[in-house]
């Protein structure tokens, strides 16, 4: 069984921003295009999905 070491407060404070930035990068990477499509689908006039995805 793996031995769990206690995490000190200073180490946790140092690692927290790195962890947050990694998660934010992942969310931004995979969520940007769906967000743009979602915003486009909720505008007036309502476009078709094919109109949103076409380059013209």
PDB file of N, CA and C in Angstrom:
ATOM      1  N   UNK A   1       0.852  -1.176   0.000  1.00  0.00           N
ATOM      2  CA  UNK A   1       0.000   0.000   0.000  1.00  0.00           C
ATOM      3  C   UNK A   1       0.894   1.234   0.000  1.00  0.00           C
ATOM      4  N   UNK A   2       0.514   2.242  -0.772  1.00  0.00           N
ATOM      5  CA  UNK A   2       1.328   3.451  -0.900  1.00  0.00           C
ATOM      6  C   UNK A   2       1.267   4.263   0.382  1.00  0.00           C
ATOM      7  N   UNK A   3       2.389   4.826   0.715  1.00  0.00           N
ATOM      8  CA  UNK A   3       2.473   5.653   1.912  1.00  0.00           C
ATOM      9  C   UNK A   3       2.149   7.094   1.533  1.00  0.00           C
ATOM     10  N   UNK A   4       1.187   7.674   2.217  1.00  0.00           N
ATOM     11  CA  UNK A   4       0.794   9.046   1.944  1.00  0.00           C
ATOM     12  C   UNK A   4       1.606   9.987   2.822  1.00  0.00           C
ATOM     13  N   UNK A   5       2.227  10.958   2.190  1.00  0.00           N
ATOM     14  CA  UNK A   5       2.995  11.935   2.932  1.00  0.00           C
ATOM     15  C   UNK A   5       2.132  13.176   3.152  1.00  0.00           C
ATOM     16  N   UNK A   6       2.212  13.766   4.323  1.00  0.00           N
ATOM     17  CA  UNK A   6       1.442  14.995   4.549  1.00  0.00           C
ATOM     18  C   UNK A   6       2.008  16.134   3.695  1.00  0.00           C
ATOM     19  N   UNK A   7       1.111  16.926   3.163  1.00  0.00           N
ATOM     20  CA  UNK A   7       1.519  18.046   2.326  1.00  0.00           C
ATOM     21  C   UNK A   7       1.584  19.287   3.204  1.00  0.00           C
ATOM     22  N   UNK A   8       2.743  19.931   3.202  1.00  0.00           N
ATOM     23  CA  UNK A   8       2.905  21.145   3.992  1.00  0.00           C
ATOM     24  C   UNK A   8       2.186  22.316   3.358  1.00  0.00           C
ATOM     25  N   UNK A   9       1.882  23.309   4.161  1.00  0.00           N
ATOM     26  CA  UNK A   9       1.169  24.486   3.685  1.00  0.00           C
ATOM     27  C   UNK A   9       1.946  25.247   2.636  1.00  0.00           C
ATOM     28  N   UNK A  10       3.262  25.381   2.830  1.00  0.00           N
ATOM     29  CA  UNK A  10       4.076  26.124   1.871  1.00  0.00           C
ATOM     30  C   UNK A  10       4.129  25.418   0.529  1.00  0.00           C
ATOM     31  N   UNK A  11       4.244  24.094   0.552  1.00  0.00           N
ATOM     32  CA  UNK A  11       4.300  23.331  -0.698  1.00  0.00           C
ATOM     33  C   UNK A  11       2.964  23.426  -1.431  1.00  0.00           C
ATOM     34  N   UNK A  12       1.876  23.366  -0.689  1.00  0.00           N
ATOM     35  CA  UNK A  12       0.547  23.469  -1.282  1.00  0.00           C
ATOM     36  C   UNK A  12       0.348  24.835  -1.931  1.00  0.00           C
ATOM     37  N   UNK A  13       0.809  25.874  -1.276  1.00  0.00           N
ATOM     38  CA  UNK A  13       0.667  27.225  -1.819  1.00  0.00           C
ATOM     39  C   UNK A  13       1.486  27.381  -3.091  1.00  0.00           C
ATOM     40  N   UNK A  14       2.659  26.751  -3.149  1.00  0.00           N
ATOM     41  CA  UNK A  14       3.498  26.836  -4.342  1.00  0.00           C
ATOM     42  C   UNK A  14       2.899  26.064  -5.513  1.00  0.00           C
ATOM     43  N   UNK A  15       2.265  24.938  -5.250  1.00  0.00           N
ATOM     44  CA  UNK A  15       1.734  24.085  -6.320  1.00  0.00           C
ATOM     45  C   UNK A  15       0.348  24.505  -6.793  1.00  0.00           C
ATOM     46  N   UNK A  16      -0.397  25.226  -5.991  1.00  0.00           N
ATOM     47  CA  UNK A  16      -1.779  25.576  -6.314  1.00  0.00           C
ATOM     48  C   UNK A  16      -1.889  26.401  -7.604  1.00  0.00           C
ATOM     49  N   UNK A  17      -1.106  27.481  -7.788  1.00  0.00           N
ATOM     50  CA  UNK A  17      -1.239  28.247  -9.039  1.00  0.00           C
ATOM     51  C   UNK A  17      -0.913  27.420 -10.289  1.00  0.00           C
ATOM     52  N   UNK A  18       0.072  26.548 -10.193  1.00  0.00           N
ATOM     53  CA  UNK A  18       0.419  25.699 -11.332  1.00  0.00           C
ATOM     54  C   UNK A  18      -0.736  24.778 -11.674  1.00  0.00           C
ATOM     55  N   UNK A  19      -1.356  24.194 -10.670  1.00  0.00           N
ATOM     56  CA  UNK A  19      -2.483  23.282 -10.883  1.00  0.00           C
ATOM     57  C   UNK A  19      -3.649  24.042 -11.518  1.00  0.00           C
ATOM     58  N   UNK A  20      -3.922  25.233 -11.013  1.00  0.00           N
ATOM     59  CA  UNK A  20      -5.034  26.027 -11.548  1.00  0.00           C
ATOM     60  C   UNK A  20      -4.777  26.409 -13.000  1.00  0.00           C
ATOM     61  N   UNK A  21      -3.549  26.834 -13.312  1.00  0.00           N
ATOM     62  CA  UNK A  21      -3.240  27.227 -14.688  1.00  0.00           C
ATOM     63  C   UNK A  21      -3.319  26.052 -15.649  1.00  0.00           C
ATOM     64  N   UNK A  22      -2.908  24.863 -15.213  1.00  0.00           N
ATOM     65  CA  UNK A  22      -3.025  23.681 -16.070  1.00  0.00           C
ATOM     66  C   UNK A  22      -4.484  23.367 -16.361  1.00  0.00           C
ATOM     67  N   UNK A  23      -5.328  23.450 -15.334  1.00  0.00           N
ATOM     68  CA  UNK A  23      -6.761  23.178 -15.526  1.00  0.00           C
ATOM     69  C   UNK A  23      -7.401  24.243 -16.407  1.00  0.00           C
ATOM     70  N   UNK A  24      -7.025  25.504 -16.210  1.00  0.00           N
ATOM     71  CA  UNK A  24      -7.582  26.589 -17.013  1.00  0.00           C
ATOM     72  C   UNK A  24      -7.175  26.440 -18.481  1.00  0.00           C
ATOM     73  N   UNK A  25      -5.942  26.006 -18.721  1.00  0.00           N
ATOM     74  CA  UNK A  25      -5.478  25.798 -20.090  1.00  0.00           C
ATOM     75  C   UNK A  25      -6.293  24.702 -20.767  1.00  0.00           C
ATOM     76  N   UNK A  26      -6.548  23.610 -20.044  1.00  0.00           N
ATOM     77  CA  UNK A  26      -7.331  22.503 -20.593  1.00  0.00           C
ATOM     78  C   UNK A  26      -8.768  22.932 -20.885  1.00  0.00           C
ATOM     79  N   UNK A  27      -9.374  23.648 -19.950  1.00  0.00           N
ATOM     80  CA  UNK A  27     -10.755  24.106 -20.144  1.00  0.00           C
ATOM     81  C   UNK A  27     -10.837  25.058 -21.333  1.00  0.00           C
ATOM     82  N   UNK A  28      -9.877  25.964 -21.443  1.00  0.00           N
ATOM     83  CA  UNK A  28      -9.862  26.903 -22.561  1.00  0.00           C
ATOM     84  C   UNK A  28      -9.661  26.172 -23.884  1.00  0.00           C
ATOM     85  N   UNK A  29      -8.759  25.210 -23.880  1.00  0.00           N
ATOM     86  CA  UNK A  29      -8.447  24.477 -25.109  1.00  0.00           C
ATOM     87  C   UNK A  29      -9.660  23.726 -25.637  1.00  0.00           C
ATOM     88  N   UNK A  30     -10.353  23.016 -24.771  1.00  0.00           N
ATOM     89  CA  UNK A  30     -11.478  22.191 -25.218  1.00  0.00           C
ATOM     90  C   UNK A  30     -12.819  22.907 -25.186  1.00  0.00           C
ATOM     91  N   UNK A  31     -12.901  24.077 -24.576  1.00  0.00           N
ATOM     92  CA  UNK A  31     -14.184  24.747 -24.445  1.00  0.00           C
ATOM     93  C   UNK A  31     -14.388  25.946 -25.334  1.00  0.00           C
ATOM     94  N   UNK A  32     -13.337  26.420 -26.030  1.00  0.00           N
ATOM     95  CA  UNK A  32     -13.462  27.657 -26.804  1.00  0.00           C
ATOM     96  C   UNK A  32     -14.410  27.512 -27.988  1.00  0.00           C
ATOM     97  N   UNK A  33     -14.195  26.519 -28.820  1.00  0.00           N
ATOM     98  CA  UNK A  33     -15.046  26.337 -30.006  1.00  0.00           C
ATOM     99  C   UNK A  33     -16.498  26.029 -29.619  1.00  0.00           C
ATOM    100  N   UNK A  34     -16.757  25.119 -28.660  1.00  0.00           N
ATOM    101  CA  UNK A  34     -18.159  24.926 -28.258  1.00  0.00           C
ATOM    102  C   UNK A  34     -18.807  26.204 -27.710  1.00  0.00           C
ATOM    103  N   UNK A  35     -18.031  27.038 -27.033  1.00  0.00           N
ATOM    104  CA  UNK A  35     -18.568  28.304 -26.533  1.00  0.00           C
ATOM    105  C   UNK A  35     -18.958  29.218 -27.695  1.00  0.00           C
ATOM    106  N   UNK A  36     -18.118  29.300 -28.704  1.00  0.00           N
ATOM    107  CA  UNK A  36     -18.431  30.138 -29.864  1.00  0.00           C
ATOM    108  C   UNK A  36     -19.676  29.628 -30.582  1.00  0.00           C
ATOM    109  N   UNK A  37     -19.804  28.312 -30.722  1.00  0.00           N
ATOM    110  CA  UNK A  37     -20.997  27.737 -31.359  1.00  0.00           C
ATOM    111  C   UNK A  37     -22.230  28.014 -30.518  1.00  0.00           C
ATOM    112  N   UNK A  38     -22.116  27.877 -29.203  1.00  0.00           N
ATOM    113  CA  UNK A  38     -23.249  28.146 -28.302  1.00  0.00           C
ATOM    114  C   UNK A  38     -23.691  29.601 -28.414  1.00  0.00           C
ATOM    115  N   UNK A  39     -22.742  30.517 -28.411  1.00  0.00           N
ATOM    116  CA  UNK A  39     -23.079  31.936 -28.528  1.00  0.00           C
ATOM    117  C   UNK A  39     -23.714  32.213 -29.890  1.00  0.00           C
ATOM    118  N   UNK A  40     -23.172  31.604 -30.951  1.00  0.00           N
ATOM    119  CA  UNK A  40     -23.720  31.799 -32.282  1.00  0.00           C
ATOM    120  C   UNK A  40     -25.135  31.263 -32.427  1.00  0.00           C
ATOM    121  N   UNK A  41     -25.445  30.162 -31.750  1.00  0.00           N
ATOM    122  CA  UNK A  41     -26.777  29.571 -31.838  1.00  0.00           C
ATOM    123  C   UNK A  41     -27.817  30.383 -31.073  1.00  0.00           C
ATOM    124  N   UNK A  42     -27.382  31.238 -30.170  1.00  0.00           N
ATOM    125  CA  UNK A  42     -28.320  32.013 -29.354  1.00  0.00           C
ATOM    126  C   UNK A  42     -28.438  33.463 -29.803  1.00  0.00           C
ATOM    127  N   UNK A  43     -28.034  33.763 -31.029  1.00  0.00           N
ATOM    128  CA  UNK A  43     -28.171  35.113 -31.545  1.00  0.00           C
ATOM    129  C   UNK A  43     -29.389  35.190 -32.457  1.00  0.00           C
ATOM    130  N   UNK A  44     -29.801  36.402 -32.745  1.00  0.00           N
ATOM    131  CA  UNK A  44     -30.906  36.602 -33.682  1.00  0.00           C
ATOM    132  C   UNK A  44     -30.349  37.131 -34.974  1.00  0.00           C
ATOM    133  N   UNK A  45     -30.728  36.718 -36.126  1.00  0.00           N
ATOM    134  CA  UNK A  45     -31.595  35.579 -36.409  1.00  0.00           C
ATOM    135  C   UNK A  45     -30.896  34.251 -36.115  1.00  0.00           C
ATOM    136  N   UNK A  46     -31.690  33.246 -35.829  1.00  0.00           N
ATOM    137  CA  UNK A  46     -31.153  31.933 -35.467  1.00  0.00           C
ATOM    138  C   UNK A  46     -30.569  31.234 -36.694  1.00  0.00           C
ATOM    139  N   UNK A  47     -29.242  31.071 -36.713  1.00  0.00           N
ATOM    140  CA  UNK A  47     -28.633  30.375 -37.857  1.00  0.00           C
ATOM    141  C   UNK A  47     -28.701  28.860 -37.682  1.00  0.00           C
ATOM    142  N   UNK A  48     -28.588  28.158 -38.800  1.00  0.00           N
ATOM    143  CA  UNK A  48     -28.475  26.706 -38.750  1.00  0.00           C
ATOM    144  C   UNK A  48     -27.045  26.357 -38.336  1.00  0.00           C
ATOM    145  N   UNK A  49     -26.828  25.165 -37.790  1.00  0.00           N
ATOM    146  CA  UNK A  49     -25.507  24.746 -37.379  1.00  0.00           C
ATOM    147  C   UNK A  49     -24.562  24.723 -38.580  1.00  0.00           C
ATOM    148  N   UNK A  50     -25.039  24.304 -39.742  1.00  0.00           N
ATOM    149  CA  UNK A  50     -24.210  24.270 -40.939  1.00  0.00           C
ATOM    150  C   UNK A  50     -23.755  25.681 -41.339  1.00  0.00           C
ATOM    151  N   UNK A  51     -24.577  26.679 -41.118  1.00  0.00           N
ATOM    152  CA  UNK A  51     -24.196  28.058 -41.412  1.00  0.00           C
ATOM    153  C   UNK A  51     -23.105  28.547 -40.473  1.00  0.00           C
ATOM    154  N   UNK A  52     -23.157  28.100 -39.235  1.00  0.00           N
ATOM    155  CA  UNK A  52     -22.124  28.496 -38.268  1.00  0.00           C
ATOM    156  C   UNK A  52     -20.777  27.860 -38.594  1.00  0.00           C
ATOM    157  N   UNK A  53     -20.800  26.643 -39.080  1.00  0.00           N
ATOM    158  CA  UNK A  53     -19.567  25.915 -39.309  1.00  0.00           C
ATOM    159  C   UNK A  53     -18.948  26.166 -40.674  1.00  0.00           C
ATOM    160  N   UNK A  54     -19.715  26.725 -41.601  1.00  0.00           N
ATOM    161  CA  UNK A  54     -19.167  26.977 -42.932  1.00  0.00           C
ATOM    162  C   UNK A  54     -18.314  28.251 -42.909  1.00  0.00           C
ATOM    163  N   UNK A  55     -17.243  28.289 -43.710  1.00  0.00           N
ATOM    164  CA  UNK A  55     -16.362  29.463 -43.698  1.00  0.00           C
ATOM    165  C   UNK A  55     -16.934  30.683 -44.399  1.00  0.00           C
ATOM    166  N   UNK A  56     -18.015  30.526 -45.158  1.00  0.00           N
ATOM    167  CA  UNK A  56     -18.577  31.651 -45.908  1.00  0.00           C
ATOM    168  C   UNK A  56     -19.727  32.266 -45.165  1.00  0.00           C
TER     169      UNK A  56
END
